[in-house]
Structure formats: C-alpha cells, structure tokens
Amino acid sequence: MKDIMSRYVEIDGWIFEIKMVRAIRADTYGKPYNAIANISINNDKGYIDGLMTNENDDFGREDFQTFVKFSQQIGLSQVQFDRYKNNKKRSVTVDVPPLPAEFPKLKLVQN
C-alpha cells in the first residue's frame, strides 16, 4: 500500500500541524504560475477556496484529478468547493477514494 503523507511534525515538544495548503500550477517552483488555490484542512475533510486561473486557462479534468491525488496522499476522505455557473453559487462535495493498494509485480518463470 502507498504511504499517506503525515500532516504533522513533532520538534522539541511542539507539534506543527498542516491546516492550510496553497497549491500553484507552474512548470517549476518559483516561476510564474497560471493557477492558484487554497485548501483548508480539518480532520479528514478539505475545502478548496480561492481557486483562480489565468483568463484562457481553465481548471480542467486533469487538474481535478491532481487535486484528488493530493487529497488521497494526505488522507482526506472528502473535499468541498464552491462552483459558480450562470452566476449562481453551488457547493459541491466530492468523496475521495482511498489510495489503491500496490500489489507486487509477479513474473512467470519456467523451471
């Protein structure tokens, strides 16, 4: 099974817990980005807020799948976001499937 990333680090009697993530879509860290979003984390739930993209660069299906993969890696069970369509706000909740189990690669051999 793939490992789930820890959402906290213990150092010298302090526990540092990740409660907010900023996601940027860019070719390389530190270079200009063309999309940004904030993800608030509470227990096993996430809320995507402030998603913005460049004018001609929509948030597509591949982007959505990347957010699902990240959510799986940090152990979220649900993610919620608000969507605007025809100037109407609609809240959407998505169940995040658990990470798939990894099976060892088997190879047939002859004796």
C-alpha atoms as a PDB file:
ATOM      1  CA  MET A   1       0.000   0.000   0.000  1.00  0.00           C
ATOM      2  CA  LYS A   2       1.220   3.520  -0.723  1.00  0.00           C
ATOM      3  CA  ASP A   3       2.103   5.666   2.256  1.00  0.00           C
ATOM      4  CA  ILE A   4      -0.079   8.564   3.301  1.00  0.00           C
ATOM      5  CA  MET A   5       1.863  11.762   3.997  1.00  0.00           C
ATOM      6  CA  SER A   6       1.921  12.832   7.604  1.00  0.00           C
ATOM      7  CA  ARG A   7       0.102  16.098   8.270  1.00  0.00           C
ATOM      8  CA  TYR A   8       2.166  16.947  11.320  1.00  0.00           C
ATOM      9  CA  VAL A   9       5.756  17.089  12.517  1.00  0.00           C
ATOM     10  CA  GLU A  10       6.940  16.923  16.144  1.00  0.00           C
ATOM     11  CA  ILE A  11      10.003  19.010  17.040  1.00  0.00           C
ATOM     12  CA  ASP A  12      11.261  19.778  20.562  1.00  0.00           C
ATOM     13  CA  GLY A  13       7.909  19.485  22.340  1.00  0.00           C
ATOM     14  CA  TRP A  14       5.997  21.286  19.583  1.00  0.00           C
ATOM     15  CA  ILE A  15       3.622  19.716  17.082  1.00  0.00           C
ATOM     16  CA  PHE A  16       3.387  21.511  13.753  1.00  0.00           C
ATOM     17  CA  GLU A  17       0.156  20.562  12.008  1.00  0.00           C
ATOM     18  CA  ILE A  18      -0.653  21.339   8.382  1.00  0.00           C
ATOM     19  CA  LYS A  19      -4.078  23.002   8.285  1.00  0.00           C
ATOM     20  CA  MET A  20      -3.760  25.084   5.086  1.00  0.00           C
ATOM     21  CA  VAL A  21      -2.112  24.359   1.742  1.00  0.00           C
ATOM     22  CA  ARG A  22      -1.504  26.725  -1.143  1.00  0.00           C
ATOM     23  CA  ALA A  23      -1.499  24.936  -4.491  1.00  0.00           C
ATOM     24  CA  ILE A  24       0.058  26.580  -7.536  1.00  0.00           C
ATOM     25  CA  ARG A  25       0.151  25.315 -11.104  1.00  0.00           C
ATOM     26  CA  ALA A  26       3.536  26.137 -12.620  1.00  0.00           C
ATOM     27  CA  ASP A  27       6.252  24.447 -14.645  1.00  0.00           C
ATOM     28  CA  THR A  28       8.797  24.943 -11.838  1.00  0.00           C
ATOM     29  CA  TYR A  29       8.546  26.162  -8.254  1.00  0.00           C
ATOM     30  CA  GLY A  30       9.396  29.859  -8.067  1.00  0.00           C
ATOM     31  CA  LYS A  31       8.465  30.513 -11.691  1.00  0.00           C
ATOM     32  CA  PRO A  32       5.276  32.322 -12.770  1.00  0.00           C
ATOM     33  CA  TYR A  33       2.144  30.275 -12.178  1.00  0.00           C
ATOM     34  CA  ASN A  34      -1.100  30.134 -14.145  1.00  0.00           C
ATOM     35  CA  ALA A  35      -3.459  28.878 -11.408  1.00  0.00           C
ATOM     36  CA  ILE A  36      -3.668  29.049  -7.623  1.00  0.00           C
ATOM     37  CA  ALA A  37      -5.923  27.597  -4.919  1.00  0.00           C
ATOM     38  CA  ASN A  38      -6.002  27.369  -1.133  1.00  0.00           C
ATOM     39  CA  ILE A  39      -7.033  24.169   0.630  1.00  0.00           C
ATOM     40  CA  SER A  40      -8.161  24.330   4.270  1.00  0.00           C
ATOM     41  CA  ILE A  41      -7.870  21.026   6.115  1.00  0.00           C
ATOM     42  CA  ASN A  42      -9.942  19.954   9.105  1.00  0.00           C
ATOM     43  CA  ASN A  43      -9.599  16.332  10.252  1.00  0.00           C
ATOM     44  CA  ASP A  44     -10.166  14.247   7.105  1.00  0.00           C
ATOM     45  CA  LYS A  45     -12.027  16.928   5.141  1.00  0.00           C
ATOM     46  CA  GLY A  46     -10.696  19.595   2.798  1.00  0.00           C
ATOM     47  CA  TYR A  47     -12.195  22.818   1.485  1.00  0.00           C
ATOM     48  CA  ILE A  48     -10.825  24.325  -1.728  1.00  0.00           C
ATOM     49  CA  ASP A  49     -11.105  28.096  -1.684  1.00  0.00           C
ATOM     50  CA  GLY A  50      -9.879  30.941  -3.840  1.00  0.00           C
ATOM     51  CA  LEU A  51      -9.295  28.910  -6.999  1.00  0.00           C
ATOM     52  CA  MET A  52      -8.152  31.302  -9.702  1.00  0.00           C
ATOM     53  CA  THR A  53      -6.748  30.619 -13.158  1.00  0.00           C
ATOM     54  CA  ASN A  54      -5.452  32.777 -15.974  1.00  0.00           C
ATOM     55  CA  GLU A  55      -8.185  34.067 -18.234  1.00  0.00           C
ATOM     56  CA  ASN A  56      -7.743  31.499 -21.016  1.00  0.00           C
ATOM     57  CA  ASP A  57      -6.512  28.618 -18.876  1.00  0.00           C
ATOM     58  CA  ASP A  58      -9.434  26.809 -17.244  1.00  0.00           C
ATOM     59  CA  PHE A  59      -9.334  24.346 -14.350  1.00  0.00           C
ATOM     60  CA  GLY A  60      -9.863  21.102 -16.218  1.00  0.00           C
ATOM     61  CA  ARG A  61     -10.398  17.408 -15.603  1.00  0.00           C
ATOM     62  CA  GLU A  62      -6.653  16.701 -15.313  1.00  0.00           C
ATOM     63  CA  ASP A  63      -6.334  19.465 -12.707  1.00  0.00           C
ATOM     64  CA  PHE A  64      -9.243  17.977 -10.763  1.00  0.00           C
ATOM     65  CA  GLN A  65      -7.580  14.544 -10.803  1.00  0.00           C
ATOM     66  CA  THR A  66      -4.361  16.090  -9.483  1.00  0.00           C
ATOM     67  CA  PHE A  67      -6.299  17.562  -6.543  1.00  0.00           C
ATOM     68  CA  VAL A  68      -7.854  14.126  -5.906  1.00  0.00           C
ATOM     69  CA  LYS A  69      -4.370  12.523  -5.891  1.00  0.00           C
ATOM     70  CA  PHE A  70      -3.092  15.112  -3.409  1.00  0.00           C
ATOM     71  CA  SER A  71      -6.167  14.605  -1.211  1.00  0.00           C
ATOM     72  CA  GLN A  72      -5.549  10.851  -1.236  1.00  0.00           C
ATOM     73  CA  GLN A  73      -1.898  11.302  -0.301  1.00  0.00           C
ATOM     74  CA  ILE A  74      -2.737  13.353   2.794  1.00  0.00           C
ATOM     75  CA  GLY A  75      -5.584  11.042   3.821  1.00  0.00           C
ATOM     76  CA  LEU A  76      -8.650  13.193   3.133  1.00  0.00           C
ATOM     77  CA  SER A  77     -11.997  11.438   2.765  1.00  0.00           C
ATOM     78  CA  GLN A  78     -13.940  14.391   1.328  1.00  0.00           C
ATOM     79  CA  VAL A  79     -13.239  17.671  -0.420  1.00  0.00           C
ATOM     80  CA  GLN A  80     -15.701  20.516  -0.783  1.00  0.00           C
ATOM     81  CA  PHE A  81     -15.611  23.521  -3.078  1.00  0.00           C
ATOM     82  CA  ASP A  82     -17.978  26.169  -4.384  1.00  0.00           C
ATOM     83  CA  ARG A  83     -18.694  26.367  -8.075  1.00  0.00           C
ATOM     84  CA  TYR A  84     -20.237  29.241  -9.974  1.00  0.00           C
ATOM     85  CA  LYS A  85     -22.275  28.559 -13.080  1.00  0.00           C
ATOM     86  CA  ASN A  86     -24.528  31.124 -14.732  1.00  0.00           C
ATOM     87  CA  ASN A  87     -23.714  33.496 -11.846  1.00  0.00           C
ATOM     88  CA  LYS A  88     -25.159  31.044  -9.312  1.00  0.00           C
ATOM     89  CA  LYS A  89     -23.137  29.545  -6.473  1.00  0.00           C
ATOM     90  CA  ARG A  90     -23.346  25.821  -5.880  1.00  0.00           C
ATOM     91  CA  SER A  91     -21.471  23.890  -3.186  1.00  0.00           C
ATOM     92  CA  VAL A  92     -20.020  20.575  -4.326  1.00  0.00           C
ATOM     93  CA  THR A  93     -18.789  17.758  -2.060  1.00  0.00           C
ATOM     94  CA  VAL A  94     -16.599  15.042  -3.540  1.00  0.00           C
ATOM     95  CA  ASP A  95     -15.827  11.753  -1.784  1.00  0.00           C
ATOM     96  CA  VAL A  96     -12.119  10.962  -2.107  1.00  0.00           C
ATOM     97  CA  PRO A  97     -11.421   7.268  -2.686  1.00  0.00           C
ATOM     98  CA  PRO A  98      -8.600   5.762  -0.601  1.00  0.00           C
ATOM     99  CA  LEU A  99      -5.235   5.169  -2.229  1.00  0.00           C
ATOM    100  CA  PRO A 100      -5.209   1.917  -4.177  1.00  0.00           C
ATOM    101  CA  ALA A 101      -3.179  -0.894  -2.687  1.00  0.00           C
ATOM    102  CA  GLU A 102       0.032  -1.693  -4.502  1.00  0.00           C
ATOM    103  CA  PHE A 103       0.492  -5.301  -5.428  1.00  0.00           C
ATOM    104  CA  PRO A 104       3.910  -6.833  -6.024  1.00  0.00           C
ATOM    105  CA  LYS A 105       4.788  -7.312  -9.676  1.00  0.00           C
ATOM    106  CA  LEU A 106       4.777 -11.025 -10.435  1.00  0.00           C
ATOM    107  CA  LYS A 107       6.853 -12.636 -13.114  1.00  0.00           C
ATOM    108  CA  LEU A 108       6.255 -16.095 -14.548  1.00  0.00           C
ATOM    109  CA  VAL A 109       9.346 -18.274 -14.748  1.00  0.00           C
ATOM    110  CA  GLN A 110       9.847 -21.778 -16.079  1.00  0.00           C
ATOM    111  CA  ASN A 111      11.795 -24.443 -14.248  1.00  0.00           C
END
